[in-house]
Amino acid sequence: QVQLVESGGGLVQAGGSLRLSCTASGLSFSNRAMGWFRQAPGNEREFAAAITRSGGGIYYGDSVKGRFTISRDNAKNTVYLQMNSLKTEDTAVYYCTAGAGISKSTEDYAYWGQGTQVTVSS
């Protein structure tokens, strides 16, 4: 059974930082592109970041570029999202996902975690 488990969410003041982690099991992690999406209440799921199998290629959504950094450690089956300079509009549930290749679309990912809540206060 494929399982993706996110952690690291919480409450943080605007301008602060958080690091999210996602640990995968039940799949060949090093052969999967990994991504992060986020969803606020009433909104569509929004692309945040994605990374290729070996970490050589990276995409960022326009709303997070320059503030967030995605990375992966294949030896630990873990992908990270370092979030700096957080804004109130970053408040959302953040989801980890795995797919065959790097993409900015939810349609191209087969497996999803349950999400972790990030709340940014003013």
C-alpha atoms as a PDB file:
ATOM      1  CA  GLN A   1       0.000   0.000   0.000  1.00  0.00           C
ATOM      2  CA  VAL A   2       1.328   3.423  -0.966  1.00  0.00           C
ATOM      3  CA  GLN A   3       1.426   5.896   1.888  1.00  0.00           C
ATOM      4  CA  LEU A   4       2.578   9.519   1.973  1.00  0.00           C
ATOM      5  CA  VAL A   5       2.687  11.166   5.394  1.00  0.00           C
ATOM      6  CA  GLU A   6       3.206  14.908   5.825  1.00  0.00           C
ATOM      7  CA  SER A   7       4.453  16.600   8.977  1.00  0.00           C
ATOM      8  CA  GLY A   8       5.767  19.956  10.152  1.00  0.00           C
ATOM      9  CA  GLY A   9       2.699  22.142   9.810  1.00  0.00           C
ATOM     10  CA  GLY A  10       1.539  24.516  12.500  1.00  0.00           C
ATOM     11  CA  LEU A  11       0.865  28.109  13.466  1.00  0.00           C
ATOM     12  CA  VAL A  12       3.473  30.733  12.613  1.00  0.00           C
ATOM     13  CA  GLN A  13       3.606  34.521  12.525  1.00  0.00           C
ATOM     14  CA  ALA A  14       3.896  36.351   9.206  1.00  0.00           C
ATOM     15  CA  GLY A  15       7.541  36.614   8.198  1.00  0.00           C
ATOM     16  CA  GLY A  16       8.437  33.371   9.931  1.00  0.00           C
ATOM     17  CA  SER A  17       9.479  29.969   8.608  1.00  0.00           C
ATOM     18  CA  LEU A  18       8.375  26.349   8.649  1.00  0.00           C
ATOM     19  CA  ARG A  19       9.779  23.167   7.139  1.00  0.00           C
ATOM     20  CA  LEU A  20       7.361  20.507   5.943  1.00  0.00           C
ATOM     21  CA  SER A  21       8.378  16.879   5.495  1.00  0.00           C
ATOM     22  CA  CYS A  22       6.752  14.055   3.560  1.00  0.00           C
ATOM     23  CA  THR A  23       7.872  10.471   4.038  1.00  0.00           C
ATOM     24  CA  ALA A  24       6.800   7.854   1.498  1.00  0.00           C
ATOM     25  CA  SER A  25       6.386   4.091   1.715  1.00  0.00           C
ATOM     26  CA  GLY A  26       5.037   1.390  -0.585  1.00  0.00           C
ATOM     27  CA  LEU A  27       6.621   2.807  -3.737  1.00  0.00           C
ATOM     28  CA  SER A  28      10.013   3.196  -5.366  1.00  0.00           C
ATOM     29  CA  PHE A  29      10.651   6.693  -4.078  1.00  0.00           C
ATOM     30  CA  SER A  30      13.778   7.397  -6.127  1.00  0.00           C
ATOM     31  CA  ASN A  31      11.834   6.667  -9.354  1.00  0.00           C
ATOM     32  CA  ARG A  32       9.056   9.160  -8.605  1.00  0.00           C
ATOM     33  CA  ALA A  33       8.765  12.857  -9.125  1.00  0.00           C
ATOM     34  CA  MET A  34       7.455  14.529  -5.972  1.00  0.00           C
ATOM     35  CA  GLY A  35       5.358  17.626  -5.479  1.00  0.00           C
ATOM     36  CA  TRP A  36       3.647  19.899  -2.996  1.00  0.00           C
ATOM     37  CA  PHE A  37       0.191  21.438  -3.495  1.00  0.00           C
ATOM     38  CA  ARG A  38      -1.896  23.544  -1.149  1.00  0.00           C
ATOM     39  CA  GLN A  39      -5.593  24.188  -0.689  1.00  0.00           C
ATOM     40  CA  ALA A  40      -7.390  26.846   1.326  1.00  0.00           C
ATOM     41  CA  PRO A  41     -11.111  26.523   2.200  1.00  0.00           C
ATOM     42  CA  GLY A  42     -13.271  27.249  -0.836  1.00  0.00           C
ATOM     43  CA  ASN A  43     -10.291  27.325  -3.203  1.00  0.00           C
ATOM     44  CA  GLU A  44      -8.957  24.913  -5.793  1.00  0.00           C
ATOM     45  CA  ARG A  45      -5.839  22.938  -5.049  1.00  0.00           C
ATOM     46  CA  GLU A  46      -2.866  25.112  -6.048  1.00  0.00           C
ATOM     47  CA  PHE A  47       0.572  24.044  -7.239  1.00  0.00           C
ATOM     48  CA  ALA A  48       3.438  25.042  -4.952  1.00  0.00           C
ATOM     49  CA  ALA A  49       6.562  23.082  -5.936  1.00  0.00           C
ATOM     50  CA  ALA A  50       7.800  19.886  -7.600  1.00  0.00           C
ATOM     51  CA  ILE A  51      11.101  18.070  -8.014  1.00  0.00           C
ATOM     52  CA  THR A  52      12.419  15.413 -10.407  1.00  0.00           C
ATOM     53  CA  ARG A  53      13.597  11.943  -9.415  1.00  0.00           C
ATOM     54  CA  SER A  54      17.216  12.883  -8.794  1.00  0.00           C
ATOM     55  CA  GLY A  55      16.536  16.467  -7.755  1.00  0.00           C
ATOM     56  CA  GLY A  56      18.025  17.984 -10.906  1.00  0.00           C
ATOM     57  CA  GLY A  57      14.849  19.724 -12.047  1.00  0.00           C
ATOM     58  CA  ILE A  58      12.546  21.932  -9.973  1.00  0.00           C
ATOM     59  CA  TYR A  59       9.315  23.853 -10.598  1.00  0.00           C
ATOM     60  CA  TYR A  60       7.775  26.510  -8.348  1.00  0.00           C
ATOM     61  CA  GLY A  61       4.421  28.200  -8.432  1.00  0.00           C
ATOM     62  CA  ASP A  62       4.548  31.943  -9.020  1.00  0.00           C
ATOM     63  CA  SER A  63       3.050  32.693  -5.615  1.00  0.00           C
ATOM     64  CA  VAL A  64       5.871  30.950  -3.714  1.00  0.00           C
ATOM     65  CA  LYS A  65       8.914  31.412  -5.944  1.00  0.00           C
ATOM     66  CA  GLY A  66      11.794  33.040  -4.094  1.00  0.00           C
ATOM     67  CA  ARG A  67      10.378  32.141  -0.678  1.00  0.00           C
ATOM     68  CA  PHE A  68       9.964  28.336  -0.704  1.00  0.00           C
ATOM     69  CA  THR A  69      12.561  25.653  -1.437  1.00  0.00           C
ATOM     70  CA  ILE A  70      11.812  22.034  -2.308  1.00  0.00           C
ATOM     71  CA  SER A  71      14.408  19.300  -1.771  1.00  0.00           C
ATOM     72  CA  ARG A  72      14.552  15.534  -1.404  1.00  0.00           C
ATOM     73  CA  ASP A  73      16.605  12.877   0.337  1.00  0.00           C
ATOM     74  CA  ASN A  74      16.159   9.613  -1.539  1.00  0.00           C
ATOM     75  CA  ALA A  75      18.022   7.642   1.130  1.00  0.00           C
ATOM     76  CA  LYS A  76      15.297   8.674   3.601  1.00  0.00           C
ATOM     77  CA  ASN A  77      12.351   8.462   1.166  1.00  0.00           C
ATOM     78  CA  THR A  78      11.559  12.032   2.147  1.00  0.00           C
ATOM     79  CA  VAL A  79      10.747  15.275   0.346  1.00  0.00           C
ATOM     80  CA  TYR A  80      10.890  18.646   2.102  1.00  0.00           C
ATOM     81  CA  LEU A  81       9.368  22.069   1.635  1.00  0.00           C
ATOM     82  CA  GLN A  82      11.249  24.871   3.361  1.00  0.00           C
ATOM     83  CA  MET A  83       8.928  27.877   3.667  1.00  0.00           C
ATOM     84  CA  ASN A  84      10.438  31.271   4.481  1.00  0.00           C
ATOM     85  CA  SER A  85       8.991  34.786   4.634  1.00  0.00           C
ATOM     86  CA  LEU A  86       5.539  33.349   5.204  1.00  0.00           C
ATOM     87  CA  LYS A  87       2.478  35.451   4.415  1.00  0.00           C
ATOM     88  CA  THR A  88      -1.092  35.174   5.669  1.00  0.00           C
ATOM     89  CA  GLU A  89      -2.146  34.104   2.173  1.00  0.00           C
ATOM     90  CA  ASP A  90       0.056  31.002   2.538  1.00  0.00           C
ATOM     91  CA  THR A  91      -2.486  29.640   5.027  1.00  0.00           C
ATOM     92  CA  ALA A  92      -3.735  26.315   3.641  1.00  0.00           C
ATOM     93  CA  VAL A  93      -3.597  22.566   3.953  1.00  0.00           C
ATOM     94  CA  TYR A  94      -0.401  21.391   2.267  1.00  0.00           C
ATOM     95  CA  TYR A  95      -0.429  18.068   0.420  1.00  0.00           C
ATOM     96  CA  CYS A  96       2.452  15.876  -0.685  1.00  0.00           C
ATOM     97  CA  THR A  97       2.111  13.949  -3.955  1.00  0.00           C
ATOM     98  CA  ALA A  98       4.014  11.428  -6.106  1.00  0.00           C
ATOM     99  CA  GLY A  99       3.922  10.881  -9.867  1.00  0.00           C
ATOM    100  CA  ALA A 100       5.699   9.427 -12.869  1.00  0.00           C
ATOM    101  CA  GLY A 101       7.185  12.751 -13.940  1.00  0.00           C
ATOM    102  CA  ILE A 102       7.427  16.342 -12.822  1.00  0.00           C
ATOM    103  CA  SER A 103       4.266  18.360 -13.418  1.00  0.00           C
ATOM    104  CA  LYS A 104       2.330  21.409 -12.210  1.00  0.00           C
ATOM    105  CA  SER A 105      -1.052  19.701 -12.609  1.00  0.00           C
ATOM    106  CA  THR A 106      -2.986  17.637 -10.073  1.00  0.00           C
ATOM    107  CA  GLU A 107      -4.084  15.396 -12.969  1.00  0.00           C
ATOM    108  CA  ASP A 108      -0.561  14.000 -13.352  1.00  0.00           C
ATOM    109  CA  TYR A 109      -0.145  12.680  -9.819  1.00  0.00           C
ATOM    110  CA  ALA A 110      -1.518   9.357  -8.647  1.00  0.00           C
ATOM    111  CA  TYR A 111      -0.770   9.337  -4.922  1.00  0.00           C
ATOM    112  CA  TRP A 112      -1.546  11.906  -2.229  1.00  0.00           C
ATOM    113  CA  GLY A 113      -0.955  12.365   1.460  1.00  0.00           C
ATOM    114  CA  GLN A 114      -3.619  13.448   3.943  1.00  0.00           C
ATOM    115  CA  GLY A 115      -2.211  16.958   4.277  1.00  0.00           C
ATOM    116  CA  THR A 116      -0.809  19.128   7.039  1.00  0.00           C
ATOM    117  CA  GLN A 117      -2.295  22.458   8.151  1.00  0.00           C
ATOM    118  CA  VAL A 118      -0.217  25.634   7.893  1.00  0.00           C
ATOM    119  CA  THR A 119      -1.668  28.772   9.475  1.00  0.00           C
ATOM    120  CA  VAL A 120       0.087  32.135   9.187  1.00  0.00           C
ATOM    121  CA  SER A 121      -1.055  34.901  11.512  1.00  0.00           C
ATOM    122  CA  SER A 122      -0.581  38.647  11.065  1.00  0.00           C
END
